[in-house]
Structures are given as structure tokens and as C-alpha cells.
Amino acid sequence: MGLFRRRRAAPTPDGAPVSGRQAREAAVEHMAEFVRTRVGVEAYLEPVTNVTQATVVLIATTGEWTRRRVPDERAARAIAKDLGIPVYDVQLTGYPQRMRDWNSRQRARRSS
């Protein structure tokens, strides 16, 4: 029946499976690149839900953002510290207005 079988890692474009470690390294590299190429980036921790594990949203001063999964809150805080950016708990602070404004601008661009 196979209900509890382990799922295989999603393959890379060249067909090789991706390990959890490779996925984590790719996420950290993506976040580091985002911080290097944007101004005033801040990290916002999102809680674990029934559907997703913990995530961190990086938001630049322009409102542009990116979201990546992290193992837990401690790992997210360590990544933010390594990147030299402030970190906030989204359940305490909410999302910044600039993120909502950026989303609205992107929606308007797509519809025109």
C-alpha cells in the first residue's frame, strides 16, 4: 500500500536527487544573495503550522521579499545573525506595510 513510505527527494534539473543538506545550503545561499543585493533587509520569523514548517521572510526597504523554510526558530535566528540583519517574530510585529505596498504594486503591474 505504501502510505508510510518515505518520499524521495525532488530531483535537480540534471536528475540527481537533492538532499536535505543541499536544500538547506541552497536556501542559505539564496538568503545571502538577497541580503547582498538589496538594501535594509530584515528577517521575519513565521511560525510552524499544520501545513508548513518554520519559515523566514526577508524583506528589503523596497518591500520586495523572499520566503524560505528553516529547520526551526533557532536556526533562523542564527542565519539572520550570520547575515548581519535584524530578526523579528511576525506574530508579535506583523508584516511591515512596505511588504503589502510592494505586493499591491506587483499585482497592479501584472494586471496592466
PDB file of N, CA and C in Angstrom:
ATOM      1  N   MET A   1       0.823  -1.179   0.000  1.00  0.00           N
ATOM      2  CA  MET A   1       0.000   0.000   0.000  1.00  0.00           C
ATOM      3  C   MET A   1       0.871   1.248   0.000  1.00  0.00           C
ATOM      4  N   GLY A   2       1.927   1.301   0.793  1.00  0.00           N
ATOM      5  CA  GLY A   2       2.901   2.368   0.713  1.00  0.00           C
ATOM      6  C   GLY A   2       2.494   3.701   1.310  1.00  0.00           C
ATOM      7  N   LEU A   3       1.556   3.725   2.238  1.00  0.00           N
ATOM      8  CA  LEU A   3       1.136   5.004   2.811  1.00  0.00           C
ATOM      9  C   LEU A   3       2.235   5.687   3.605  1.00  0.00           C
ATOM     10  N   PHE A   4       3.063   4.912   4.269  1.00  0.00           N
ATOM     11  CA  PHE A   4       4.072   5.497   5.137  1.00  0.00           C
ATOM     12  C   PHE A   4       5.478   5.393   4.552  1.00  0.00           C
ATOM     13  N   ARG A   5       5.552   5.144   3.275  1.00  0.00           N
ATOM     14  CA  ARG A   5       6.841   5.084   2.616  1.00  0.00           C
ATOM     15  C   ARG A   5       7.494   6.459   2.613  1.00  0.00           C
ATOM     16  N   ARG A   6       8.790   6.492   2.697  1.00  0.00           N
ATOM     17  CA  ARG A   6       9.497   7.770   2.621  1.00  0.00           C
ATOM     18  C   ARG A   6       9.433   8.298   1.204  1.00  0.00           C
ATOM     19  N   ARG A   7       9.207   9.597   1.116  1.00  0.00           N
ATOM     20  CA  ARG A   7       9.215  10.221  -0.204  1.00  0.00           C
ATOM     21  C   ARG A   7      10.656  10.477  -0.610  1.00  0.00           C
ATOM     22  N   ARG A   8      10.924  10.322  -1.859  1.00  0.00           N
ATOM     23  CA  ARG A   8      12.260  10.614  -2.357  1.00  0.00           C
ATOM     24  C   ARG A   8      12.410  12.116  -2.535  1.00  0.00           C
ATOM     25  N   ALA A   9      13.638  12.569  -2.434  1.00  0.00           N
ATOM     26  CA  ALA A   9      13.916  13.988  -2.638  1.00  0.00           C
ATOM     27  C   ALA A   9      13.620  14.363  -4.082  1.00  0.00           C
ATOM     28  N   ALA A  10      13.142  15.575  -4.270  1.00  0.00           N
ATOM     29  CA  ALA A  10      12.867  16.057  -5.621  1.00  0.00           C
ATOM     30  C   ALA A  10      14.179  16.135  -6.396  1.00  0.00           C
ATOM     31  N   PRO A  11      14.176  15.715  -7.653  1.00  0.00           N
ATOM     32  CA  PRO A  11      15.419  15.740  -8.410  1.00  0.00           C
ATOM     33  C   PRO A  11      15.806  17.159  -8.828  1.00  0.00           C
ATOM     34  N   THR A  12      17.090  17.351  -9.061  1.00  0.00           N
ATOM     35  CA  THR A  12      17.587  18.618  -9.582  1.00  0.00           C
ATOM     36  C   THR A  12      17.359  18.628 -11.084  1.00  0.00           C
ATOM     37  N   PRO A  13      17.613  19.750 -11.755  1.00  0.00           N
ATOM     38  CA  PRO A  13      17.417  19.780 -13.207  1.00  0.00           C
ATOM     39  C   PRO A  13      18.208  18.711 -13.952  1.00  0.00           C
ATOM     40  N   ASP A  14      19.356  18.296 -13.408  1.00  0.00           N
ATOM     41  CA  ASP A  14      20.130  17.255 -14.077  1.00  0.00           C
ATOM     42  C   ASP A  14      19.692  15.848 -13.673  1.00  0.00           C
ATOM     43  N   GLY A  15      18.640  15.750 -12.843  1.00  0.00           N
ATOM     44  CA  GLY A  15      18.069  14.463 -12.487  1.00  0.00           C
ATOM     45  C   GLY A  15      18.557  13.869 -11.180  1.00  0.00           C
ATOM     46  N   ALA A  16      19.583  14.458 -10.565  1.00  0.00           N
ATOM     47  CA  ALA A  16      20.099  13.932  -9.299  1.00  0.00           C
ATOM     48  C   ALA A  16      19.196  14.370  -8.151  1.00  0.00           C
ATOM     49  N   PRO A  17      18.931  13.486  -7.183  1.00  0.00           N
ATOM     50  CA  PRO A  17      18.082  13.889  -6.058  1.00  0.00           C
ATOM     51  C   PRO A  17      18.787  14.916  -5.173  1.00  0.00           C
ATOM     52  N   VAL A  18      18.003  15.779  -4.537  1.00  0.00           N
ATOM     53  CA  VAL A  18      18.533  16.817  -3.652  1.00  0.00           C
ATOM     54  C   VAL A  18      18.412  16.339  -2.217  1.00  0.00           C
ATOM     55  N   SER A  19      19.505  16.413  -1.469  1.00  0.00           N
ATOM     56  CA  SER A  19      19.461  16.014  -0.066  1.00  0.00           C
ATOM     57  C   SER A  19      18.940  17.169   0.770  1.00  0.00           C
ATOM     58  N   GLY A  20      18.562  16.875   2.016  1.00  0.00           N
ATOM     59  CA  GLY A  20      18.121  17.926   2.928  1.00  0.00           C
ATOM     60  C   GLY A  20      19.218  18.943   3.170  1.00  0.00           C
ATOM     61  N   ARG A  21      20.445  18.454   3.263  1.00  0.00           N
ATOM     62  CA  ARG A  21      21.581  19.359   3.479  1.00  0.00           C
ATOM     63  C   ARG A  21      21.772  20.289   2.286  1.00  0.00           C
ATOM     64  N   GLN A  22      21.669  19.747   1.074  1.00  0.00           N
ATOM     65  CA  GLN A  22      21.811  20.577  -0.124  1.00  0.00           C
ATOM     66  C   GLN A  22      20.698  21.614  -0.198  1.00  0.00           C
ATOM     67  N   ALA A  23      19.493  21.224   0.181  1.00  0.00           N
ATOM     68  CA  ALA A  23      18.366  22.156   0.156  1.00  0.00           C
ATOM     69  C   ALA A  23      18.590  23.285   1.159  1.00  0.00           C
ATOM     70  N   ARG A  24      19.089  22.942   2.351  1.00  0.00           N
ATOM     71  CA  ARG A  24      19.381  23.975   3.362  1.00  0.00           C
ATOM     72  C   ARG A  24      20.467  24.923   2.872  1.00  0.00           C
ATOM     73  N   GLU A  25      21.522  24.361   2.283  1.00  0.00           N
ATOM     74  CA  GLU A  25      22.616  25.195   1.773  1.00  0.00           C
ATOM     75  C   GLU A  25      22.121  26.119   0.664  1.00  0.00           C
ATOM     76  N   ALA A  26      21.247  25.608  -0.196  1.00  0.00           N
ATOM     77  CA  ALA A  26      20.697  26.436  -1.271  1.00  0.00           C
ATOM     78  C   ALA A  26      19.833  27.557  -0.701  1.00  0.00           C
ATOM     79  N   ALA A  27      19.064  27.261   0.335  1.00  0.00           N
ATOM     80  CA  ALA A  27      18.218  28.289   0.956  1.00  0.00           C
ATOM     81  C   ALA A  27      19.068  29.371   1.603  1.00  0.00           C
ATOM     82  N   VAL A  28      20.119  28.973   2.312  1.00  0.00           N
ATOM     83  CA  VAL A  28      21.003  29.952   2.956  1.00  0.00           C
ATOM     84  C   VAL A  28      21.705  30.793   1.896  1.00  0.00           C
ATOM     85  N   GLU A  29      22.150  30.172   0.814  1.00  0.00           N
ATOM     86  CA  GLU A  29      22.802  30.925  -0.263  1.00  0.00           C
ATOM     87  C   GLU A  29      21.827  31.918  -0.898  1.00  0.00           C
ATOM     88  N   HIS A  30      20.583  31.493  -1.095  1.00  0.00           N
ATOM     89  CA  HIS A  30      19.571  32.397  -1.652  1.00  0.00           C
ATOM     90  C   HIS A  30      19.366  33.599  -0.729  1.00  0.00           C
ATOM     91  N   MET A  31      19.267  33.338   0.570  1.00  0.00           N
ATOM     92  CA  MET A  31      19.068  34.433   1.523  1.00  0.00           C
ATOM     93  C   MET A  31      20.280  35.362   1.548  1.00  0.00           C
ATOM     94  N   ALA A  32      21.485  34.801   1.502  1.00  0.00           N
ATOM     95  CA  ALA A  32      22.697  35.624   1.497  1.00  0.00           C
ATOM     96  C   ALA A  32      22.742  36.502   0.249  1.00  0.00           C
ATOM     97  N   GLU A  33      22.369  35.949  -0.890  1.00  0.00           N
ATOM     98  CA  GLU A  33      22.334  36.720  -2.138  1.00  0.00           C
ATOM     99  C   GLU A  33      21.297  37.835  -2.057  1.00  0.00           C
ATOM    100  N   PHE A  34      20.146  37.539  -1.482  1.00  0.00           N
ATOM    101  CA  PHE A  34      19.094  38.545  -1.316  1.00  0.00           C
ATOM    102  C   PHE A  34      19.606  39.699  -0.456  1.00  0.00           C
ATOM    103  N   VAL A  35      20.282  39.383   0.633  1.00  0.00           N
ATOM    104  CA  VAL A  35      20.817  40.414   1.537  1.00  0.00           C
ATOM    105  C   VAL A  35      21.913  41.219   0.844  1.00  0.00           C
ATOM    106  N   ARG A  36      22.765  40.550   0.064  1.00  0.00           N
ATOM    107  CA  ARG A  36      23.858  41.244  -0.638  1.00  0.00           C
ATOM    108  C   ARG A  36      23.343  42.214  -1.686  1.00  0.00           C
ATOM    109  N   THR A  37      22.222  41.888  -2.319  1.00  0.00           N
ATOM    110  CA  THR A  37      21.762  42.666  -3.471  1.00  0.00           C
ATOM    111  C   THR A  37      20.610  43.620  -3.166  1.00  0.00           C
ATOM    112  N   ARG A  38      20.198  43.714  -1.916  1.00  0.00           N
ATOM    113  CA  ARG A  38      19.128  44.631  -1.521  1.00  0.00           C
ATOM    114  C   ARG A  38      19.563  45.449  -0.319  1.00  0.00           C
ATOM    115  N   VAL A  39      18.869  46.562  -0.103  1.00  0.00           N
ATOM    116  CA  VAL A  39      19.198  47.477   0.993  1.00  0.00           C
ATOM    117  C   VAL A  39      18.219  47.279   2.142  1.00  0.00           C
ATOM    118  N   GLY A  40      18.731  47.341   3.367  1.00  0.00           N
ATOM    119  CA  GLY A  40      17.885  47.352   4.559  1.00  0.00           C
ATOM    120  C   GLY A  40      17.049  46.114   4.779  1.00  0.00           C
ATOM    121  N   VAL A  41      17.598  44.955   4.518  1.00  0.00           N
ATOM    122  CA  VAL A  41      16.844  43.705   4.653  1.00  0.00           C
ATOM    123  C   VAL A  41      16.661  43.353   6.128  1.00  0.00           C
ATOM    124  N   GLU A  42      15.449  42.915   6.459  1.00  0.00           N
ATOM    125  CA  GLU A  42      15.105  42.440   7.801  1.00  0.00           C
ATOM    126  C   GLU A  42      14.491  41.054   7.675  1.00  0.00           C
ATOM    127  N   ALA A  43      14.675  40.230   8.701  1.00  0.00           N
ATOM    128  CA  ALA A  43      14.125  38.873   8.714  1.00  0.00           C
ATOM    129  C   ALA A  43      12.898  38.833   9.617  1.00  0.00           C
ATOM    130  N   TYR A  44      11.852  38.165   9.160  1.00  0.00           N
ATOM    131  CA  TYR A  44      10.626  37.974   9.940  1.00  0.00           C
ATOM    132  C   TYR A  44      10.371  36.477  10.064  1.00  0.00           C
ATOM    133  N   LEU A  45      10.327  35.991  11.298  1.00  0.00           N
ATOM    134  CA  LEU A  45      10.092  34.572  11.557  1.00  0.00           C
ATOM    135  C   LEU A  45       8.607  34.265  11.491  1.00  0.00           C
ATOM    136  N   GLU A  46       8.267  33.229  10.745  1.00  0.00           N
ATOM    137  CA  GLU A  46       6.885  32.759  10.681  1.00  0.00           C
ATOM    138  C   GLU A  46       6.799  31.438  11.441  1.00  0.00           C
ATOM    139  N   PRO A  47       5.716  31.219  12.157  1.00  0.00           N
ATOM    140  CA  PRO A  47       5.611  30.019  12.996  1.00  0.00           C
ATOM    141  C   PRO A  47       5.337  28.754  12.190  1.00  0.00           C
ATOM    142  N   VAL A  48       5.562  27.638  12.837  1.00  0.00           N
ATOM    143  CA  VAL A  48       5.200  26.335  12.281  1.00  0.00           C
ATOM    144  C   VAL A  48       3.677  26.257  12.224  1.00  0.00           C
ATOM    145  N   THR A  49       3.146  25.698  11.146  1.00  0.00           N
ATOM    146  CA  THR A  49       1.703  25.474  11.036  1.00  0.00           C
ATOM    147  C   THR A  49       1.467  23.991  10.771  1.00  0.00           C
ATOM    148  N   ASN A  50       0.206  23.613  10.627  1.00  0.00           N
ATOM    149  CA  ASN A  50      -0.111  22.222  10.290  1.00  0.00           C
ATOM    150  C   ASN A  50       0.363  21.864   8.890  1.00  0.00           C
ATOM    151  N   VAL A  51       0.560  22.871   8.056  1.00  0.00           N
ATOM    152  CA  VAL A  51       0.907  22.645   6.661  1.00  0.00           C
ATOM    153  C   VAL A  51       2.391  22.869   6.378  1.00  0.00           C
ATOM    154  N   THR A  52       3.007  23.821   7.066  1.00  0.00           N
ATOM    155  CA  THR A  52       4.402  24.163   6.772  1.00  0.00           C
ATOM    156  C   THR A  52       5.262  24.132   8.026  1.00  0.00           C
ATOM    157  N   GLN A  53       6.543  23.942   7.797  1.00  0.00           N
ATOM    158  CA  GLN A  53       7.479  24.066   8.911  1.00  0.00           C
ATOM    159  C   GLN A  53       7.812  25.542   9.076  1.00  0.00           C
ATOM    160  N   ALA A  54       8.692  25.867   9.995  1.00  0.00           N
ATOM    161  CA  ALA A  54       9.053  27.264  10.244  1.00  0.00           C
ATOM    162  C   ALA A  54       9.631  27.876   8.968  1.00  0.00           C
ATOM    163  N   THR A  55       9.319  29.143   8.742  1.00  0.00           N
ATOM    164  CA  THR A  55       9.855  29.861   7.593  1.00  0.00           C
ATOM    165  C   THR A  55      10.361  31.215   8.047  1.00  0.00           C
ATOM    166  N   VAL A  56      11.225  31.780   7.227  1.00  0.00           N
ATOM    167  CA  VAL A  56      11.718  33.128   7.471  1.00  0.00           C
ATOM    168  C   VAL A  56      11.465  33.932   6.197  1.00  0.00           C
ATOM    169  N   VAL A  57      10.934  35.134   6.369  1.00  0.00           N
ATOM    170  CA  VAL A  57      10.689  36.039   5.250  1.00  0.00           C
ATOM    171  C   VAL A  57      11.701  37.166   5.363  1.00  0.00           C
ATOM    172  N   LEU A  58      12.466  37.377   4.301  1.00  0.00           N
ATOM    173  CA  LEU A  58      13.394  38.501   4.254  1.00  0.00           C
ATOM    174  C   LEU A  58      12.715  39.619   3.480  1.00  0.00           C
ATOM    175  N   ILE A  59      12.704  40.829   4.054  1.00  0.00           N
ATOM    176  CA  ILE A  59      12.012  41.957   3.438  1.00  0.00           C
ATOM    177  C   ILE A  59      12.984  43.122   3.321  1.00  0.00           C
ATOM    178  N   ALA A  60      13.143  43.634   2.092  1.00  0.00           N
ATOM    179  CA  ALA A  60      14.016  44.777   1.833  1.00  0.00           C
ATOM    180  C   ALA A  60      13.251  46.077   2.087  1.00  0.00           C
ATOM    181  N   THR A  61      13.965  47.206   2.082  1.00  0.00           N
ATOM    182  CA  THR A  61      13.309  48.502   2.314  1.00  0.00           C
ATOM    183  C   THR A  61      12.312  48.828   1.212  1.00  0.00           C
ATOM    184  N   THR A  62      12.489  48.264   0.018  1.00  0.00           N
ATOM    185  CA  THR A  62      11.551  48.488  -1.081  1.00  0.00           C
ATOM    186  C   THR A  62      10.257  47.709  -0.887  1.00  0.00           C
ATOM    187  N   GLY A  63      10.272  46.739   0.028  1.00  0.00           N
ATOM    188  CA  GLY A  63       9.121  45.872   0.240  1.00  0.00           C
ATOM    189  C   GLY A  63       9.262  44.540  -0.462  1.00  0.00           C
ATOM    190  N   GLU A  64      10.255  44.430  -1.355  1.00  0.00           N
ATOM    191  CA  GLU A  64      10.494  43.156  -2.022  1.00  0.00           C
ATOM    192  C   GLU A  64      10.833  42.114  -0.963  1.00  0.00           C
ATOM    193  N   TRP A  65      10.362  40.889  -1.152  1.00  0.00           N
ATOM    194  CA  TRP A  65      10.547  39.873  -0.124  1.00  0.00           C
ATOM    195  C   TRP A  65      10.793  38.504  -0.734  1.00  0.00           C
ATOM    196  N   THR A  66      11.312  37.628   0.094  1.00  0.00           N
ATOM    197  CA  THR A  66      11.508  36.231  -0.274  1.00  0.00           C
ATOM    198  C   THR A  66      11.283  35.385   0.972  1.00  0.00           C
ATOM    199  N   ARG A  67      10.776  34.189   0.785  1.00  0.00           N
ATOM    200  CA  ARG A  67      10.470  33.294   1.915  1.00  0.00           C
ATOM    201  C   ARG A  67      11.201  31.969   1.706  1.00  0.00           C
ATOM    202  N   ARG A  68      11.780  31.460   2.783  1.00  0.00           N
ATOM    203  CA  ARG A  68      12.450  30.166   2.741  1.00  0.00           C
ATOM    204  C   ARG A  68      12.153  29.389   4.015  1.00  0.00           C
ATOM    205  N   ARG A  69      12.083  28.058   3.883  1.00  0.00           N
ATOM    206  CA  ARG A  69      11.905  27.190   5.050  1.00  0.00           C
ATOM    207  C   ARG A  69      13.193  27.135   5.845  1.00  0.00           C
ATOM    208  N   VAL A  70      13.037  26.999   7.142  1.00  0.00           N
ATOM    209  CA  VAL A  70      14.176  26.820   8.048  1.00  0.00           C
ATOM    210  C   VAL A  70      13.825  25.688   9.008  1.00  0.00           C
ATOM    211  N   PRO A  71      14.826  25.018   9.562  1.00  0.00           N
ATOM    212  CA  PRO A  71      14.525  23.907  10.477  1.00  0.00           C
ATOM    213  C   PRO A  71      13.731  24.337  11.706  1.00  0.00           C
ATOM    214  N   ASP A  72      14.087  25.485  12.291  1.00  0.00           N
ATOM    215  CA  ASP A  72      13.395  25.963  13.484  1.00  0.00           C
ATOM    216  C   ASP A  72      13.766  27.425  13.731  1.00  0.00           C
ATOM    217  N   GLU A  73      13.170  28.001  14.771  1.00  0.00           N
ATOM    218  CA  GLU A  73      13.404  29.414  15.080  1.00  0.00           C
ATOM    219  C   GLU A  73      14.872  29.682  15.405  1.00  0.00           C
ATOM    220  N   ARG A  74      15.486  28.781  16.122  1.00  0.00           N
ATOM    221  CA  ARG A  74      16.896  28.974  16.495  1.00  0.00           C
ATOM    222  C   ARG A  74      17.779  29.051  15.248  1.00  0.00           C
ATOM    223  N   ALA A  75      17.521  28.179  14.279  1.00  0.00           N
ATOM    224  CA  ALA A  75      18.293  28.192  13.035  1.00  0.00           C
ATOM    225  C   ALA A  75      18.067  29.497  12.277  1.00  0.00           C
ATOM    226  N   ALA A  76      16.824  29.969  12.249  1.00  0.00           N
ATOM    227  CA  ALA A  76      16.516  31.225  11.563  1.00  0.00           C
ATOM    228  C   ALA A  76      17.249  32.391  12.208  1.00  0.00           C
ATOM    229  N   ARG A  77      17.266  32.415  13.528  1.00  0.00           N
ATOM    230  CA  ARG A  77      17.976  33.492  14.242  1.00  0.00           C
ATOM    231  C   ARG A  77      19.481  33.412  13.983  1.00  0.00           C
ATOM    232  N   ALA A  78      20.020  32.205  13.911  1.00  0.00           N
ATOM    233  CA  ALA A  78      21.449  32.036  13.628  1.00  0.00           C
ATOM    234  C   ALA A  78      21.786  32.515  12.218  1.00  0.00           C
ATOM    235  N   ILE A  79      20.926  32.198  11.257  1.00  0.00           N
ATOM    236  CA  ILE A  79      21.146  32.640   9.878  1.00  0.00           C
ATOM    237  C   ILE A  79      21.106  34.160   9.809  1.00  0.00           C
ATOM    238  N   ALA A  80      20.107  34.768  10.454  1.00  0.00           N
ATOM    239  CA  ALA A  80      19.994  36.231  10.456  1.00  0.00           C
ATOM    240  C   ALA A  80      21.224  36.865  11.100  1.00  0.00           C
ATOM    241  N   LYS A  81      21.700  36.272  12.173  1.00  0.00           N
ATOM    242  CA  LYS A  81      22.897  36.797  12.843  1.00  0.00           C
ATOM    243  C   LYS A  81      24.101  36.711  11.915  1.00  0.00           C
ATOM    244  N   ASP A  82      24.256  35.572  11.242  1.00  0.00           N
ATOM    245  CA  ASP A  82      25.368  35.399  10.300  1.00  0.00           C
ATOM    246  C   ASP A  82      25.293  36.403   9.152  1.00  0.00           C
ATOM    247  N   LEU A  83      24.070  36.733   8.723  1.00  0.00           N
ATOM    248  CA  LEU A  83      23.890  37.683   7.628  1.00  0.00           C
ATOM    249  C   LEU A  83      23.953  39.132   8.109  1.00  0.00           C
ATOM    250  N   GLY A  84      23.945  39.322   9.427  1.00  0.00           N
ATOM    251  CA  GLY A  84      24.036  40.670   9.987  1.00  0.00           C
ATOM    252  C   GLY A  84      22.774  41.489   9.821  1.00  0.00           C
ATOM    253  N   ILE A  85      21.613  40.827   9.915  1.00  0.00           N
ATOM    254  CA  ILE A  85      20.341  41.537   9.757  1.00  0.00           C
ATOM    255  C   ILE A  85      19.474  41.347  10.999  1.00  0.00           C
ATOM    256  N   PRO A  86      18.603  42.313  11.278  1.00  0.00           N
ATOM    257  CA  PRO A  86      17.711  42.160  12.428  1.00  0.00           C
ATOM    258  C   PRO A  86      16.644  41.109  12.152  1.00  0.00           C
ATOM    259  N   VAL A  87      16.149  40.507  13.219  1.00  0.00           N
ATOM    260  CA  VAL A  87      15.130  39.468  13.084  1.00  0.00           C
ATOM    261  C   VAL A  87      13.968  39.788  14.013  1.00  0.00           C
ATOM    262  N   TYR A  88      12.751  39.608  13.497  1.00  0.00           N
ATOM    263  CA  TYR A  88      11.533  39.892  14.251  1.00  0.00           C
ATOM    264  C   TYR A  88      10.610  38.686  14.181  1.00  0.00           C
ATOM    265  N   ASP A  89       9.764  38.531  15.178  1.00  0.00           N
ATOM    266  CA  ASP A  89       8.746  37.487  15.190  1.00  0.00           C
ATOM    267  C   ASP A  89       7.479  38.082  14.586  1.00  0.00           C
ATOM    268  N   VAL A  90       7.033  37.536  13.467  1.00  0.00           N
ATOM    269  CA  VAL A  90       5.890  38.102  12.759  1.00  0.00           C
ATOM    270  C   VAL A  90       4.609  38.044  13.596  1.00  0.00           C
ATOM    271  N   GLN A  91       4.532  37.105  14.551  1.00  0.00           N
ATOM    272  CA  GLN A  91       3.349  37.037  15.408  1.00  0.00           C
ATOM    273  C   GLN A  91       3.304  38.207  16.386  1.00  0.00           C
ATOM    274  N   LEU A  92       4.446  38.800  16.679  1.00  0.00           N
ATOM    275  CA  LEU A  92       4.493  39.941  17.593  1.00  0.00           C
ATOM    276  C   LEU A  92       4.437  41.278  16.857  1.00  0.00           C
ATOM    277  N   THR A  93       5.080  41.350  15.695  1.00  0.00           N
ATOM    278  CA  THR A  93       5.192  42.632  14.988  1.00  0.00           C
ATOM    279  C   THR A  93       4.275  42.755  13.787  1.00  0.00           C
ATOM    280  N   GLY A  94       3.846  41.641  13.216  1.00  0.00           N
ATOM    281  CA  GLY A  94       3.114  41.682  11.958  1.00  0.00           C
ATOM    282  C   GLY A  94       4.084  41.943  10.816  1.00  0.00           C
ATOM    283  N   TYR A  95       3.549  41.948   9.588  1.00  0.00           N
ATOM    284  CA  TYR A  95       4.377  42.241   8.424  1.00  0.00           C
ATOM    285  C   TYR A  95       4.439  43.749   8.238  1.00  0.00           C
ATOM    286  N   PRO A  96       5.563  44.271   7.762  1.00  0.00           N
ATOM    287  CA  PRO A  96       5.657  45.719   7.567  1.00  0.00           C
ATOM    288  C   PRO A  96       4.786  46.182   6.398  1.00  0.00           C
ATOM    289  N   GLN A  97       4.311  47.403   6.483  1.00  0.00           N
ATOM    290  CA  GLN A  97       3.449  47.969   5.445  1.00  0.00           C
ATOM    291  C   GLN A  97       4.137  47.953   4.082  1.00  0.00           C
ATOM    292  N   ARG A  98       5.442  48.155   4.058  1.00  0.00           N
ATOM    293  CA  ARG A  98       6.151  48.206   2.775  1.00  0.00           C
ATOM    294  C   ARG A  98       6.018  46.894   2.004  1.00  0.00           C
ATOM    295  N   MET A  99       5.881  45.775   2.707  1.00  0.00           N
ATOM    296  CA  MET A  99       5.689  44.488   2.036  1.00  0.00           C
ATOM    297  C   MET A  99       4.318  44.455   1.363  1.00  0.00           C
ATOM    298  N   ARG A 100       3.302  44.907   2.061  1.00  0.00           N
ATOM    299  CA  ARG A 100       1.958  44.945   1.470  1.00  0.00           C
ATOM    300  C   ARG A 100       1.910  45.908   0.289  1.00  0.00           C
ATOM    301  N   ASP A 101       2.592  47.051   0.414  1.00  0.00           N
ATOM    302  CA  ASP A 101       2.636  48.019  -0.689  1.00  0.00           C
ATOM    303  C   ASP A 101       3.323  47.416  -1.910  1.00  0.00           C
ATOM    304  N   TRP A 102       4.413  46.711  -1.698  1.00  0.00           N
ATOM    305  CA  TRP A 102       5.138  46.085  -2.801  1.00  0.00           C
ATOM    306  C   TRP A 102       4.255  45.037  -3.485  1.00  0.00           C
ATOM    307  N   ASN A 103       3.550  44.226  -2.687  1.00  0.00           N
ATOM    308  CA  ASN A 103       2.642  43.228  -3.260  1.00  0.00           C
ATOM    309  C   ASN A 103       1.564  43.895  -4.098  1.00  0.00           C
ATOM    310  N   SER A 104       1.028  45.012  -3.622  1.00  0.00           N
ATOM    311  CA  SER A 104      -0.007  45.739  -4.371  1.00  0.00           C
ATOM    312  C   SER A 104       0.550  46.266  -5.688  1.00  0.00           C
ATOM    313  N   ARG A 105       1.754  46.824  -5.664  1.00  0.00           N
ATOM    314  CA  ARG A 105       2.376  47.329  -6.898  1.00  0.00           C
ATOM    315  C   ARG A 105       2.603  46.195  -7.891  1.00  0.00           C
ATOM    316  N   GLN A 106       3.049  45.041  -7.409  1.00  0.00           N
ATOM    317  CA  GLN A 106       3.283  43.905  -8.299  1.00  0.00           C
ATOM    318  C   GLN A 106       1.978  43.406  -8.912  1.00  0.00           C
ATOM    319  N   ARG A 107       0.920  43.366  -8.110  1.00  0.00           N
ATOM    320  CA  ARG A 107      -0.391  42.952  -8.610  1.00  0.00           C
ATOM    321  C   ARG A 107      -0.869  43.906  -9.697  1.00  0.00           C
ATOM    322  N   ALA A 108      -0.688  45.208  -9.476  1.00  0.00           N
ATOM    323  CA  ALA A 108      -1.113  46.214 -10.452  1.00  0.00           C
ATOM    324  C   ALA A 108      -0.318  46.077 -11.750  1.00  0.00           C
ATOM    325  N   ARG A 109       0.971  45.798 -11.659  1.00  0.00           N
ATOM    326  CA  ARG A 109       1.796  45.617 -12.862  1.00  0.00           C
ATOM    327  C   ARG A 109       1.346  44.412 -13.673  1.00  0.00           C
ATOM    328  N   ARG A 110       1.020  43.320 -12.980  1.00  0.00           N
ATOM    329  CA  ARG A 110       0.601  42.107 -13.690  1.00  0.00           C
ATOM    330  C   ARG A 110      -0.739  42.290 -14.385  1.00  0.00           C
ATOM    331  N   SER A 111      -1.610  43.089 -13.798  1.00  0.00           N
ATOM    332  CA  SER A 111      -2.948  43.242 -14.377  1.00  0.00           C
ATOM    333  C   SER A 111      -2.982  44.266 -15.509  1.00  0.00           C
ATOM    334  N   SER A 112      -1.947  45.083 -15.646  1.00  0.00           N
ATOM    335  CA  SER A 112      -1.970  46.085 -16.732  1.00  0.00           C
ATOM    336  C   SER A 112      -1.220  45.631 -17.949  1.00  0.00           C
TER     337      SER A 112
END
